Every structure is written in structure tokens, then in C-alpha cells.
Amino acid sequence: MKTLTIATVAGVSLLAACADSGANYTPILDGAPTAAFRSDLSACQTLARNQNQFDQDTLGATVMGAGAGALLGQADTGDALGGAIAGALAGGVAGTVEAGERREAIVVECLRGRGHAVVG
């Protein structure tokens, strides 16, 4: 049980640390940055960071993973709690990765919209 608690705390800490990863993205430019690039980048990163619906999507993925994991854990080994924790971590990680990618895309499109030659 102690190992399970440690794994849960470690997983939740990892998810929290990755929550803003996509919003901090600095894309590659085709050419030299303009004078306005730094301020535009900061504004676009703030825009991406403030998209709270991605956090709700991640929470939903975590809950769905916990439910599926509990069912599978109970059916397979009789350990619904262990399955729920594993499923919640898997769902949370998947949701966090997807949210990070969506935030990166916001930064890129925002900078393109402001006239910067972003290639990726």
C-alpha cells in the first residue's frame, strides 16, 4: 500500500509539472526575429496558458482512465484500486500531452497571425 501511495503522489506531481509545458513553447522562425517578436511571443504564450478548457479535458481523461482501470483491474486481478490508480495516471498523462500539444499549436498560430514566419 505504501508503494501505491508513493507512485500516486509521484504521478500527480509529474502531471502538475507538465501542465504548462506547451504554453512555454518557443517556436523556430524562418529568418531573424523582428523587434516585436519577444513581446508577441510572451502575449501568445499567455494566451495559450489561459486556455483552461484543456485542464478540464485532462481532468476528464484522468477520471475516464480511473474508471476504465478500476473495471479492468477488478476483472483481471481483483484489484480495482490499483487498476483505478494506473488508469488515472495513464489518462492524466495522455490528457496532459494532448493539452501541451494544443497549447503549442496556439502559440504557433498566434505568432503566425501576428506576422511572424514560424516554421515549427
PDB file of N, CA and C in Angstrom:
ATOM      1  N   MET A   1       0.829  -1.199   0.000  1.00  0.00           N
ATOM      2  CA  MET A   1       0.000   0.000   0.000  1.00  0.00           C
ATOM      3  C   MET A   1       0.868   1.255   0.000  1.00  0.00           C
ATOM      4  N   LYS A   2       1.995   1.211   0.724  1.00  0.00           N
ATOM      5  CA  LYS A   2       2.884   2.368   0.789  1.00  0.00           C
ATOM      6  C   LYS A   2       3.467   2.669  -0.589  1.00  0.00           C
ATOM      7  N   THR A   3       3.841   1.642  -1.338  1.00  0.00           N
ATOM      8  CA  THR A   3       4.373   1.817  -2.683  1.00  0.00           C
ATOM      9  C   THR A   3       3.327   2.434  -3.598  1.00  0.00           C
ATOM     10  N   LEU A   4       2.087   2.010  -3.448  1.00  0.00           N
ATOM     11  CA  LEU A   4       0.989   2.538  -4.245  1.00  0.00           C
ATOM     12  C   LEU A   4       0.789   4.024  -3.970  1.00  0.00           C
ATOM     13  N   THR A   5       0.877   4.430  -2.722  1.00  0.00           N
ATOM     14  CA  THR A   5       0.734   5.838  -2.358  1.00  0.00           C
ATOM     15  C   THR A   5       1.873   6.669  -2.936  1.00  0.00           C
ATOM     16  N   ILE A   6       3.085   6.162  -2.840  1.00  0.00           N
ATOM     17  CA  ILE A   6       4.248   6.869  -3.385  1.00  0.00           C
ATOM     18  C   ILE A   6       4.115   7.018  -4.900  1.00  0.00           C
ATOM     19  N   ALA A   7       3.689   5.966  -5.582  1.00  0.00           N
ATOM     20  CA  ALA A   7       3.511   6.028  -7.034  1.00  0.00           C
ATOM     21  C   ALA A   7       2.433   7.034  -7.412  1.00  0.00           C
ATOM     22  N   THR A   8       1.369   7.086  -6.636  1.00  0.00           N
ATOM     23  CA  THR A   8       0.291   8.040  -6.914  1.00  0.00           C
ATOM     24  C   THR A   8       0.769   9.470  -6.746  1.00  0.00           C
ATOM     25  N   VAL A   9       1.461   9.749  -5.648  1.00  0.00           N
ATOM     26  CA  VAL A   9       1.976  11.102  -5.407  1.00  0.00           C
ATOM     27  C   VAL A   9       2.974  11.495  -6.489  1.00  0.00           C
ATOM     28  N   ALA A  10       3.838  10.583  -6.881  1.00  0.00           N
ATOM     29  CA  ALA A  10       4.816  10.868  -7.933  1.00  0.00           C
ATOM     30  C   ALA A  10       4.119  11.156  -9.259  1.00  0.00           C
ATOM     31  N   GLY A  11       3.101  10.388  -9.577  1.00  0.00           N
ATOM     32  CA  GLY A  11       2.370  10.594 -10.824  1.00  0.00           C
ATOM     33  C   GLY A  11       1.640  11.920 -10.862  1.00  0.00           C
ATOM     34  N   VAL A  12       0.992  12.273  -9.770  1.00  0.00           N
ATOM     35  CA  VAL A  12       0.281  13.550  -9.693  1.00  0.00           C
ATOM     36  C   VAL A  12       1.268  14.707  -9.786  1.00  0.00           C
ATOM     37  N   SER A  13       2.414  14.587  -9.147  1.00  0.00           N
ATOM     38  CA  SER A  13       3.444  15.635  -9.220  1.00  0.00           C
ATOM     39  C   SER A  13       3.951  15.801 -10.644  1.00  0.00           C
ATOM     40  N   LEU A  14       4.139  14.697 -11.343  1.00  0.00           N
ATOM     41  CA  LEU A  14       4.596  14.749 -12.727  1.00  0.00           C
ATOM     42  C   LEU A  14       3.567  15.443 -13.613  1.00  0.00           C
ATOM     43  N   LEU A  15       2.303  15.122 -13.428  1.00  0.00           N
ATOM     44  CA  LEU A  15       1.250  15.761 -14.215  1.00  0.00           C
ATOM     45  C   LEU A  15       1.209  17.256 -13.952  1.00  0.00           C
ATOM     46  N   ALA A  16       1.336  17.655 -12.704  1.00  0.00           N
ATOM     47  CA  ALA A  16       1.303  19.076 -12.359  1.00  0.00           C
ATOM     48  C   ALA A  16       2.496  19.808 -12.966  1.00  0.00           C
ATOM     49  N   ALA A  17       3.644  19.167 -12.998  1.00  0.00           N
ATOM     50  CA  ALA A  17       4.840  19.804 -13.555  1.00  0.00           C
ATOM     51  C   ALA A  17       4.731  20.007 -15.055  1.00  0.00           C
ATOM     52  N   CYS A  18       3.990  19.155 -15.733  1.00  0.00           N
ATOM     53  CA  CYS A  18       3.871  19.233 -17.192  1.00  0.00           C
ATOM     54  C   CYS A  18       2.699  20.085 -17.654  1.00  0.00           C
ATOM     55  N   ALA A  19       1.913  20.592 -16.756  1.00  0.00           N
ATOM     56  CA  ALA A  19       0.667  21.261 -17.118  1.00  0.00           C
ATOM     57  C   ALA A  19       0.855  22.442 -18.056  1.00  0.00           C
ATOM     58  N   ASP A  20       1.908  23.227 -17.903  1.00  0.00           N
ATOM     59  CA  ASP A  20       2.121  24.418 -18.726  1.00  0.00           C
ATOM     60  C   ASP A  20       3.136  24.203 -19.846  1.00  0.00           C
ATOM     61  N   SER A  21       3.570  22.987 -20.069  1.00  0.00           N
ATOM     62  CA  SER A  21       4.689  22.764 -20.983  1.00  0.00           C
ATOM     63  C   SER A  21       4.451  23.324 -22.380  1.00  0.00           C
ATOM     64  N   GLY A  22       3.297  23.152 -22.955  1.00  0.00           N
ATOM     65  CA  GLY A  22       3.042  23.648 -24.298  1.00  0.00           C
ATOM     66  C   GLY A  22       2.984  25.159 -24.375  1.00  0.00           C
ATOM     67  N   ALA A  23       2.536  25.801 -23.315  1.00  0.00           N
ATOM     68  CA  ALA A  23       2.421  27.255 -23.311  1.00  0.00           C
ATOM     69  C   ALA A  23       3.786  27.929 -23.262  1.00  0.00           C
ATOM     70  N   ASN A  24       4.809  27.232 -22.832  1.00  0.00           N
ATOM     71  CA  ASN A  24       6.159  27.804 -22.747  1.00  0.00           C
ATOM     72  C   ASN A  24       6.958  27.585 -24.028  1.00  0.00           C
ATOM     73  N   TYR A  25       6.326  27.047 -25.043  1.00  0.00           N
ATOM     74  CA  TYR A  25       6.995  26.716 -26.296  1.00  0.00           C
ATOM     75  C   TYR A  25       7.509  27.967 -27.004  1.00  0.00           C
ATOM     76  N   THR A  26       8.755  27.898 -27.486  1.00  0.00           N
ATOM     77  CA  THR A  26       9.338  28.956 -28.310  1.00  0.00           C
ATOM     78  C   THR A  26       9.607  28.343 -29.680  1.00  0.00           C
ATOM     79  N   PRO A  27       8.829  28.734 -30.689  1.00  0.00           N
ATOM     80  CA  PRO A  27       8.952  28.100 -32.000  1.00  0.00           C
ATOM     81  C   PRO A  27      10.183  28.562 -32.775  1.00  0.00           C
ATOM     82  N   ILE A  28      10.471  27.835 -33.837  1.00  0.00           N
ATOM     83  CA  ILE A  28      11.574  28.156 -34.740  1.00  0.00           C
ATOM     84  C   ILE A  28      11.051  29.127 -35.791  1.00  0.00           C
ATOM     85  N   LEU A  29      11.832  30.151 -36.056  1.00  0.00           N
ATOM     86  CA  LEU A  29      11.453  31.149 -37.052  1.00  0.00           C
ATOM     87  C   LEU A  29      12.254  30.963 -38.333  1.00  0.00           C
ATOM     88  N   ASP A  30      11.649  31.339 -39.450  1.00  0.00           N
ATOM     89  CA  ASP A  30      12.350  31.365 -40.724  1.00  0.00           C
ATOM     90  C   ASP A  30      12.923  32.766 -40.887  1.00  0.00           C
ATOM     91  N   GLY A  31      14.149  32.929 -40.460  1.00  0.00           N
ATOM     92  CA  GLY A  31      14.779  34.237 -40.503  1.00  0.00           C
ATOM     93  C   GLY A  31      14.972  34.804 -39.111  1.00  0.00           C
ATOM     94  N   ALA A  32      15.457  36.016 -39.082  1.00  0.00           N
ATOM     95  CA  ALA A  32      15.728  36.681 -37.800  1.00  0.00           C
ATOM     96  C   ALA A  32      14.424  37.185 -37.182  1.00  0.00           C
ATOM     97  N   PRO A  33      14.327  37.133 -35.854  1.00  0.00           N
ATOM     98  CA  PRO A  33      13.126  37.656 -35.203  1.00  0.00           C
ATOM     99  C   PRO A  33      13.031  39.176 -35.355  1.00  0.00           C
ATOM    100  N   THR A  34      11.819  39.648 -35.488  1.00  0.00           N
ATOM    101  CA  THR A  34      11.593  41.088 -35.591  1.00  0.00           C
ATOM    102  C   THR A  34      11.698  41.714 -34.201  1.00  0.00           C
ATOM    103  N   ALA A  35      11.638  43.030 -34.159  1.00  0.00           N
ATOM    104  CA  ALA A  35      11.722  43.738 -32.881  1.00  0.00           C
ATOM    105  C   ALA A  35      10.549  43.397 -31.973  1.00  0.00           C
ATOM    106  N   ALA A  36       9.415  43.110 -32.553  1.00  0.00           N
ATOM    107  CA  ALA A  36       8.212  42.832 -31.759  1.00  0.00           C
ATOM    108  C   ALA A  36       8.082  41.363 -31.354  1.00  0.00           C
ATOM    109  N   PHE A  37       9.002  40.512 -31.803  1.00  0.00           N
ATOM    110  CA  PHE A  37       8.854  39.078 -31.574  1.00  0.00           C
ATOM    111  C   PHE A  37       8.746  38.712 -30.095  1.00  0.00           C
ATOM    112  N   ARG A  38       9.634  39.221 -29.261  1.00  0.00           N
ATOM    113  CA  ARG A  38       9.638  38.848 -27.836  1.00  0.00           C
ATOM    114  C   ARG A  38       8.310  39.207 -27.160  1.00  0.00           C
ATOM    115  N   SER A  39       7.807  40.396 -27.411  1.00  0.00           N
ATOM    116  CA  SER A  39       6.538  40.784 -26.762  1.00  0.00           C
ATOM    117  C   SER A  39       5.374  39.983 -27.338  1.00  0.00           C
ATOM    118  N   ASP A  40       5.400  39.718 -28.656  1.00  0.00           N
ATOM    119  CA  ASP A  40       4.346  38.899 -29.258  1.00  0.00           C
ATOM    120  C   ASP A  40       4.409  37.467 -28.725  1.00  0.00           C
ATOM    121  N   LEU A  41       5.619  36.923 -28.586  1.00  0.00           N
ATOM    122  CA  LEU A  41       5.780  35.571 -28.044  1.00  0.00           C
ATOM    123  C   LEU A  41       5.209  35.494 -26.635  1.00  0.00           C
ATOM    124  N   SER A  42       5.526  36.472 -25.813  1.00  0.00           N
ATOM    125  CA  SER A  42       5.011  36.490 -24.446  1.00  0.00           C
ATOM    126  C   SER A  42       3.481  36.553 -24.430  1.00  0.00           C
ATOM    127  N   ALA A  43       2.908  37.385 -25.280  1.00  0.00           N
ATOM    128  CA  ALA A  43       1.449  37.503 -25.342  1.00  0.00           C
ATOM    129  C   ALA A  43       0.811  36.209 -25.833  1.00  0.00           C
ATOM    130  N   CYS A  44       1.413  35.562 -26.821  1.00  0.00           N
ATOM    131  CA  CYS A  44       0.875  34.306 -27.348  1.00  0.00           C
ATOM    132  C   CYS A  44       1.007  33.169 -26.329  1.00  0.00           C
ATOM    133  N   GLN A  45       2.111  33.135 -25.595  1.00  0.00           N
ATOM    134  CA  GLN A  45       2.276  32.123 -24.556  1.00  0.00           C
ATOM    135  C   GLN A  45       1.252  32.317 -23.441  1.00  0.00           C
ATOM    136  N   THR A  46       0.980  33.556 -23.096  1.00  0.00           N
ATOM    137  CA  THR A  46      -0.041  33.844 -22.079  1.00  0.00           C
ATOM    138  C   THR A  46      -1.414  33.404 -22.571  1.00  0.00           C
ATOM    139  N   LEU A  47      -1.711  33.667 -23.828  1.00  0.00           N
ATOM    140  CA  LEU A  47      -2.972  33.229 -24.417  1.00  0.00           C
ATOM    141  C   LEU A  47      -3.110  31.716 -24.318  1.00  0.00           C
ATOM    142  N   ALA A  48      -2.063  30.985 -24.676  1.00  0.00           N
ATOM    143  CA  ALA A  48      -2.094  29.524 -24.621  1.00  0.00           C
ATOM    144  C   ALA A  48      -2.238  29.027 -23.188  1.00  0.00           C
ATOM    145  N   ARG A  49      -1.542  29.654 -22.260  1.00  0.00           N
ATOM    146  CA  ARG A  49      -1.576  29.254 -20.852  1.00  0.00           C
ATOM    147  C   ARG A  49      -2.973  29.432 -20.253  1.00  0.00           C
ATOM    148  N   ASN A  50      -3.714  30.427 -20.731  1.00  0.00           N
ATOM    149  CA  ASN A  50      -5.020  30.747 -20.158  1.00  0.00           C
ATOM    150  C   ASN A  50      -6.169  29.921 -20.716  1.00  0.00           C
ATOM    151  N   GLN A  51      -5.876  28.932 -21.542  1.00  0.00           N
ATOM    152  CA  GLN A  51      -6.930  28.076 -22.096  1.00  0.00           C
ATOM    153  C   GLN A  51      -7.278  26.982 -21.091  1.00  0.00           C
ATOM    154  N   ASN A  52      -8.157  27.303 -20.163  1.00  0.00           N
ATOM    155  CA  ASN A  52      -8.489  26.398 -19.064  1.00  0.00           C
ATOM    156  C   ASN A  52      -9.283  25.174 -19.498  1.00  0.00           C
ATOM    157  N   GLN A  53      -9.916  25.213 -20.653  1.00  0.00           N
ATOM    158  CA  GLN A  53     -10.675  24.045 -21.082  1.00  0.00           C
ATOM    159  C   GLN A  53      -9.774  22.838 -21.283  1.00  0.00           C
ATOM    160  N   PHE A  54      -8.485  23.062 -21.576  1.00  0.00           N
ATOM    161  CA  PHE A  54      -7.565  21.939 -21.720  1.00  0.00           C
ATOM    162  C   PHE A  54      -7.349  21.241 -20.380  1.00  0.00           C
ATOM    163  N   ASP A  55      -7.344  22.009 -19.294  1.00  0.00           N
ATOM    164  CA  ASP A  55      -7.205  21.419 -17.966  1.00  0.00           C
ATOM    165  C   ASP A  55      -8.433  20.575 -17.641  1.00  0.00           C
ATOM    166  N   GLN A  56      -9.604  21.039 -18.044  1.00  0.00           N
ATOM    167  CA  GLN A  56     -10.832  20.273 -17.821  1.00  0.00           C
ATOM    168  C   GLN A  56     -10.823  19.000 -18.656  1.00  0.00           C
ATOM    169  N   ASP A  57     -10.311  19.082 -19.882  1.00  0.00           N
ATOM    170  CA  ASP A  57     -10.196  17.894 -20.727  1.00  0.00           C
ATOM    171  C   ASP A  57      -9.258  16.873 -20.093  1.00  0.00           C
ATOM    172  N   THR A  58      -8.147  17.350 -19.525  1.00  0.00           N
ATOM    173  CA  THR A  58      -7.192  16.460 -18.862  1.00  0.00           C
ATOM    174  C   THR A  58      -7.826  15.800 -17.644  1.00  0.00           C
ATOM    175  N   LEU A  59      -8.583  16.572 -16.880  1.00  0.00           N
ATOM    176  CA  LEU A  59      -9.280  16.003 -15.724  1.00  0.00           C
ATOM    177  C   LEU A  59     -10.270  14.930 -16.179  1.00  0.00           C
ATOM    178  N   GLY A  60     -10.989  15.212 -17.252  1.00  0.00           N
ATOM    179  CA  GLY A  60     -11.931  14.221 -17.792  1.00  0.00           C
ATOM    180  C   GLY A  60     -11.222  12.948 -18.214  1.00  0.00           C
ATOM    181  N   ALA A  61     -10.066  13.083 -18.870  1.00  0.00           N
ATOM    182  CA  ALA A  61      -9.298  11.908 -19.291  1.00  0.00           C
ATOM    183  C   ALA A  61      -8.804  11.125 -18.076  1.00  0.00           C
ATOM    184  N   THR A  62      -8.446  11.827 -17.011  1.00  0.00           N
ATOM    185  CA  THR A  62      -7.996  11.169 -15.783  1.00  0.00           C
ATOM    186  C   THR A  62      -9.120  10.366 -15.155  1.00  0.00           C
ATOM    187  N   VAL A  63     -10.293  10.965 -15.085  1.00  0.00           N
ATOM    188  CA  VAL A  63     -11.451  10.281 -14.485  1.00  0.00           C
ATOM    189  C   VAL A  63     -11.851   9.070 -15.326  1.00  0.00           C
ATOM    190  N   MET A  64     -11.879   9.250 -16.649  1.00  0.00           N
ATOM    191  CA  MET A  64     -12.224   8.120 -17.529  1.00  0.00           C
ATOM    192  C   MET A  64     -11.200   7.000 -17.392  1.00  0.00           C
ATOM    193  N   GLY A  65      -9.914   7.369 -17.307  1.00  0.00           N
ATOM    194  CA  GLY A  65      -8.872   6.362 -17.126  1.00  0.00           C
ATOM    195  C   GLY A  65      -9.017   5.619 -15.813  1.00  0.00           C
ATOM    196  N   ALA A  66      -9.398   6.353 -14.761  1.00  0.00           N
ATOM    197  CA  ALA A  66      -9.589   5.717 -13.454  1.00  0.00           C
ATOM    198  C   ALA A  66     -10.741   4.724 -13.504  1.00  0.00           C
ATOM    199  N   GLY A  67     -11.827   5.113 -14.146  1.00  0.00           N
ATOM    200  CA  GLY A  67     -12.980   4.212 -14.249  1.00  0.00           C
ATOM    201  C   GLY A  67     -12.652   2.970 -15.044  1.00  0.00           C
ATOM    202  N   ALA A  68     -12.015   3.154 -16.191  1.00  0.00           N
ATOM    203  CA  ALA A  68     -11.653   2.003 -17.019  1.00  0.00           C
ATOM    204  C   ALA A  68     -10.630   1.123 -16.312  1.00  0.00           C
ATOM    205  N   GLY A  69      -9.670   1.758 -15.648  1.00  0.00           N
ATOM    206  CA  GLY A  69      -8.656   0.993 -14.921  1.00  0.00           C
ATOM    207  C   GLY A  69      -9.249   0.198 -13.775  1.00  0.00           C
ATOM    208  N   ALA A  70     -10.225   0.776 -13.070  1.00  0.00           N
ATOM    209  CA  ALA A  70     -10.875   0.060 -11.968  1.00  0.00           C
ATOM    210  C   ALA A  70     -11.610  -1.166 -12.481  1.00  0.00           C
ATOM    211  N   LEU A  71     -12.321  -0.997 -13.584  1.00  0.00           N
ATOM    212  CA  LEU A  71     -13.040  -2.138 -14.158  1.00  0.00           C
ATOM    213  C   LEU A  71     -12.089  -3.225 -14.618  1.00  0.00           C
ATOM    214  N   LEU A  72     -11.037  -2.837 -15.324  1.00  0.00           N
ATOM    215  CA  LEU A  72     -10.074  -3.819 -15.807  1.00  0.00           C
ATOM    216  C   LEU A  72      -9.295  -4.461 -14.667  1.00  0.00           C
ATOM    217  N   GLY A  73      -8.910  -3.645 -13.683  1.00  0.00           N
ATOM    218  CA  GLY A  73      -8.178  -4.185 -12.534  1.00  0.00           C
ATOM    219  C   GLY A  73      -9.009  -5.187 -11.752  1.00  0.00           C
ATOM    220  N   GLN A  74     -10.283  -4.883 -11.569  1.00  0.00           N
ATOM    221  CA  GLN A  74     -11.178  -5.789 -10.845  1.00  0.00           C
ATOM    222  C   GLN A  74     -11.379  -7.078 -11.635  1.00  0.00           C
ATOM    223  N   ALA A  75     -11.576  -6.965 -12.929  1.00  0.00           N
ATOM    224  CA  ALA A  75     -11.821  -8.142 -13.758  1.00  0.00           C
ATOM    225  C   ALA A  75     -10.576  -9.003 -13.907  1.00  0.00           C
ATOM    226  N   ASP A  76      -9.414  -8.376 -14.004  1.00  0.00           N
ATOM    227  CA  ASP A  76      -8.183  -9.119 -14.280  1.00  0.00           C
ATOM    228  C   ASP A  76      -7.549  -9.690 -13.013  1.00  0.00           C
ATOM    229  N   THR A  77      -7.331  -8.844 -12.010  1.00  0.00           N
ATOM    230  CA  THR A  77      -6.597  -9.299 -10.823  1.00  0.00           C
ATOM    231  C   THR A  77      -7.393  -9.150  -9.538  1.00  0.00           C
ATOM    232  N   GLY A  78      -8.576  -8.579  -9.609  1.00  0.00           N
ATOM    233  CA  GLY A  78      -9.365  -8.340  -8.407  1.00  0.00           C
ATOM    234  C   GLY A  78      -8.908  -7.114  -7.639  1.00  0.00           C
ATOM    235  N   ASP A  79      -8.055  -6.303  -8.232  1.00  0.00           N
ATOM    236  CA  ASP A  79      -7.521  -5.109  -7.577  1.00  0.00           C
ATOM    237  C   ASP A  79      -8.051  -3.866  -8.277  1.00  0.00           C
ATOM    238  N   ALA A  80      -9.255  -3.456  -7.918  1.00  0.00           N
ATOM    239  CA  ALA A  80      -9.883  -2.300  -8.556  1.00  0.00           C
ATOM    240  C   ALA A  80      -9.142  -1.017  -8.225  1.00  0.00           C
ATOM    241  N   LEU A  81      -8.646  -0.872  -6.993  1.00  0.00           N
ATOM    242  CA  LEU A  81      -7.945   0.352  -6.595  1.00  0.00           C
ATOM    243  C   LEU A  81      -6.658   0.529  -7.387  1.00  0.00           C
ATOM    244  N   GLY A  82      -5.879  -0.527  -7.481  1.00  0.00           N
ATOM    245  CA  GLY A  82      -4.636  -0.457  -8.251  1.00  0.00           C
ATOM    246  C   GLY A  82      -4.912  -0.149  -9.714  1.00  0.00           C
ATOM    247  N   GLY A  83      -5.935  -0.773 -10.266  1.00  0.00           N
ATOM    248  CA  GLY A  83      -6.309  -0.505 -11.651  1.00  0.00           C
ATOM    249  C   GLY A  83      -6.779   0.920 -11.843  1.00  0.00           C
ATOM    250  N   ALA A  84      -7.531   1.445 -10.871  1.00  0.00           N
ATOM    251  CA  ALA A  84      -8.022   2.824 -10.954  1.00  0.00           C
ATOM    252  C   ALA A  84      -6.870   3.812 -10.932  1.00  0.00           C
ATOM    253  N   ILE A  85      -5.901   3.561 -10.073  1.00  0.00           N
ATOM    254  CA  ILE A  85      -4.750   4.467  -9.984  1.00  0.00           C
ATOM    255  C   ILE A  85      -3.931   4.409 -11.270  1.00  0.00           C
ATOM    256  N   ALA A  86      -3.671   3.210 -11.763  1.00  0.00           N
ATOM    257  CA  ALA A  86      -2.920   3.079 -13.010  1.00  0.00           C
ATOM    258  C   ALA A  86      -3.676   3.727 -14.169  1.00  0.00           C
ATOM    259  N   GLY A  87      -4.984   3.509 -14.225  1.00  0.00           N
ATOM    260  CA  GLY A  87      -5.794   4.109 -15.289  1.00  0.00           C
ATOM    261  C   GLY A  87      -5.839   5.619 -15.188  1.00  0.00           C
ATOM    262  N   ALA A  88      -5.940   6.140 -13.977  1.00  0.00           N
ATOM    263  CA  ALA A  88      -5.962   7.591 -13.781  1.00  0.00           C
ATOM    264  C   ALA A  88      -4.645   8.212 -14.228  1.00  0.00           C
ATOM    265  N   LEU A  89      -3.536   7.583 -13.889  1.00  0.00           N
ATOM    266  CA  LEU A  89      -2.235   8.098 -14.315  1.00  0.00           C
ATOM    267  C   LEU A  89      -2.091   8.046 -15.830  1.00  0.00           C
ATOM    268  N   ALA A  90      -2.515   6.946 -16.432  1.00  0.00           N
ATOM    269  CA  ALA A  90      -2.428   6.823 -17.893  1.00  0.00           C
ATOM    270  C   ALA A  90      -3.309   7.867 -18.579  1.00  0.00           C
ATOM    271  N   GLY A  91      -4.535   8.014 -18.099  1.00  0.00           N
ATOM    272  CA  GLY A  91      -5.434   9.012 -18.678  1.00  0.00           C
ATOM    273  C   GLY A  91      -4.926  10.423 -18.460  1.00  0.00           C
ATOM    274  N   GLY A  92      -4.399  10.685 -17.283  1.00  0.00           N
ATOM    275  CA  GLY A  92      -3.868  12.014 -16.984  1.00  0.00           C
ATOM    276  C   GLY A  92      -2.661  12.360 -17.832  1.00  0.00           C
ATOM    277  N   VAL A  93      -1.777  11.397 -18.022  1.00  0.00           N
ATOM    278  CA  VAL A  93      -0.594  11.635 -18.854  1.00  0.00           C
ATOM    279  C   VAL A  93      -1.018  11.895 -20.298  1.00  0.00           C
ATOM    280  N   ALA A  94      -1.935  11.078 -20.808  1.00  0.00           N
ATOM    281  CA  ALA A  94      -2.405  11.275 -22.185  1.00  0.00           C
ATOM    282  C   ALA A  94      -3.062  12.643 -22.336  1.00  0.00           C
ATOM    283  N   GLY A  95      -3.886  13.025 -21.365  1.00  0.00           N
ATOM    284  CA  GLY A  95      -4.547  14.330 -21.416  1.00  0.00           C
ATOM    285  C   GLY A  95      -3.566  15.479 -21.327  1.00  0.00           C
ATOM    286  N   THR A  96      -2.547  15.334 -20.501  1.00  0.00           N
ATOM    287  CA  THR A  96      -1.535  16.378 -20.342  1.00  0.00           C
ATOM    288  C   THR A  96      -0.716  16.548 -21.618  1.00  0.00           C
ATOM    289  N   VAL A  97      -0.347  15.444 -22.251  1.00  0.00           N
ATOM    290  CA  VAL A  97       0.408  15.511 -23.502  1.00  0.00           C
ATOM    291  C   VAL A  97      -0.426  16.191 -24.578  1.00  0.00           C
ATOM    292  N   GLU A  98      -1.686  15.804 -24.690  1.00  0.00           N
ATOM    293  CA  GLU A  98      -2.560  16.410 -25.697  1.00  0.00           C
ATOM    294  C   GLU A  98      -2.750  17.903 -25.432  1.00  0.00           C
ATOM    295  N   ALA A  99      -2.956  18.279 -24.183  1.00  0.00           N
ATOM    296  CA  ALA A  99      -3.131  19.693 -23.842  1.00  0.00           C
ATOM    297  C   ALA A  99      -1.869  20.481 -24.167  1.00  0.00           C
ATOM    298  N   GLY A 100      -0.699  19.905 -23.909  1.00  0.00           N
ATOM    299  CA  GLY A 100       0.563  20.568 -24.229  1.00  0.00           C
ATOM    300  C   GLY A 100       0.713  20.795 -25.727  1.00  0.00           C
ATOM    301  N   GLU A 101       0.338  19.789 -26.511  1.00  0.00           N
ATOM    302  CA  GLU A 101       0.421  19.927 -27.967  1.00  0.00           C
ATOM    303  C   GLU A 101      -0.550  20.991 -28.471  1.00  0.00           C
ATOM    304  N   ARG A 102      -1.731  21.046 -27.894  1.00  0.00           N
ATOM    305  CA  ARG A 102      -2.712  22.046 -28.310  1.00  0.00           C
ATOM    306  C   ARG A 102      -2.252  23.452 -27.925  1.00  0.00           C
ATOM    307  N   ARG A 103      -1.616  23.590 -26.769  1.00  0.00           N
ATOM    308  CA  ARG A 103      -1.089  24.891 -26.363  1.00  0.00           C
ATOM    309  C   ARG A 103       0.057  25.328 -27.275  1.00  0.00           C
ATOM    310  N   GLU A 104       0.915  24.386 -27.672  1.00  0.00           N
ATOM    311  CA  GLU A 104       1.989  24.704 -28.624  1.00  0.00           C
ATOM    312  C   GLU A 104       1.400  25.218 -29.928  1.00  0.00           C
ATOM    313  N   ALA A 105       0.356  24.559 -30.405  1.00  0.00           N
ATOM    314  CA  ALA A 105      -0.287  24.975 -31.661  1.00  0.00           C
ATOM    315  C   ALA A 105      -0.866  26.386 -31.536  1.00  0.00           C
ATOM    316  N   ILE A 106      -1.392  26.723 -30.375  1.00  0.00           N
ATOM    317  CA  ILE A 106      -1.922  28.074 -30.162  1.00  0.00           C
ATOM    318  C   ILE A 106      -0.800  29.099 -30.261  1.00  0.00           C
ATOM    319  N   VAL A 107       0.346  28.804 -29.645  1.00  0.00           N
ATOM    320  CA  VAL A 107       1.484  29.726 -29.703  1.00  0.00           C
ATOM    321  C   VAL A 107       1.905  29.933 -31.157  1.00  0.00           C
ATOM    322  N   VAL A 108       2.020  28.845 -31.917  1.00  0.00           N
ATOM    323  CA  VAL A 108       2.454  28.931 -33.315  1.00  0.00           C
ATOM    324  C   VAL A 108       1.465  29.738 -34.142  1.00  0.00           C
ATOM    325  N   GLU A 109       0.182  29.417 -34.041  1.00  0.00           N
ATOM    326  CA  GLU A 109      -0.825  30.112 -34.851  1.00  0.00           C
ATOM    327  C   GLU A 109      -0.965  31.575 -34.447  1.00  0.00           C
ATOM    328  N   CYS A 110      -0.840  31.854 -33.172  1.00  0.00           N
ATOM    329  CA  CYS A 110      -0.915  33.228 -32.697  1.00  0.00           C
ATOM    330  C   CYS A 110       0.231  34.059 -33.282  1.00  0.00           C
ATOM    331  N   LEU A 111       1.446  33.505 -33.276  1.00  0.00           N
ATOM    332  CA  LEU A 111       2.596  34.226 -33.832  1.00  0.00           C
ATOM    333  C   LEU A 111       2.464  34.395 -35.352  1.00  0.00           C
ATOM    334  N   ARG A 112       1.957  33.368 -36.016  1.00  0.00           N
ATOM    335  CA  ARG A 112       1.730  33.497 -37.464  1.00  0.00           C
ATOM    336  C   ARG A 112       0.710  34.597 -37.743  1.00  0.00           C
ATOM    337  N   GLY A 113      -0.322  34.635 -36.925  1.00  0.00           N
ATOM    338  CA  GLY A 113      -1.347  35.660 -37.071  1.00  0.00           C
ATOM    339  C   GLY A 113      -0.811  37.072 -36.858  1.00  0.00           C
ATOM    340  N   ARG A 114       0.264  37.176 -36.107  1.00  0.00           N
ATOM    341  CA  ARG A 114       0.892  38.475 -35.860  1.00  0.00           C
ATOM    342  C   ARG A 114       2.001  38.781 -36.864  1.00  0.00           C
ATOM    343  N   GLY A 115       2.108  37.937 -37.894  1.00  0.00           N
ATOM    344  CA  GLY A 115       3.023  38.226 -38.987  1.00  0.00           C
ATOM    345  C   GLY A 115       4.418  37.643 -38.868  1.00  0.00           C
ATOM    346  N   HIS A 116       4.649  36.726 -37.942  1.00  0.00           N
ATOM    347  CA  HIS A 116       5.982  36.124 -37.788  1.00  0.00           C
ATOM    348  C   HIS A 116       6.073  34.870 -38.636  1.00  0.00           C
ATOM    349  N   ALA A 117       7.228  34.636 -39.242  1.00  0.00           N
ATOM    350  CA  ALA A 117       7.454  33.490 -40.122  1.00  0.00           C
ATOM    351  C   ALA A 117       7.841  32.268 -39.283  1.00  0.00           C
ATOM    352  N   VAL A 118       6.847  31.633 -38.685  1.00  0.00           N
ATOM    353  CA  VAL A 118       7.066  30.468 -37.822  1.00  0.00           C
ATOM    354  C   VAL A 118       7.051  29.207 -38.680  1.00  0.00           C
ATOM    355  N   VAL A 119       8.086  28.361 -38.508  1.00  0.00           N
ATOM    356  CA  VAL A 119       8.136  27.105 -39.247  1.00  0.00           C
ATOM    357  C   VAL A 119       7.862  25.899 -38.351  1.00  0.00           C
ATOM    358  N   GLY A 120       7.921  26.044 -37.077  1.00  0.00           N
ATOM    359  CA  GLY A 120       7.617  24.916 -36.203  1.00  0.00           C
ATOM    360  C   GLY A 120       8.111  25.108 -34.803  1.00  0.00           C
TER     361      GLY A 120
END
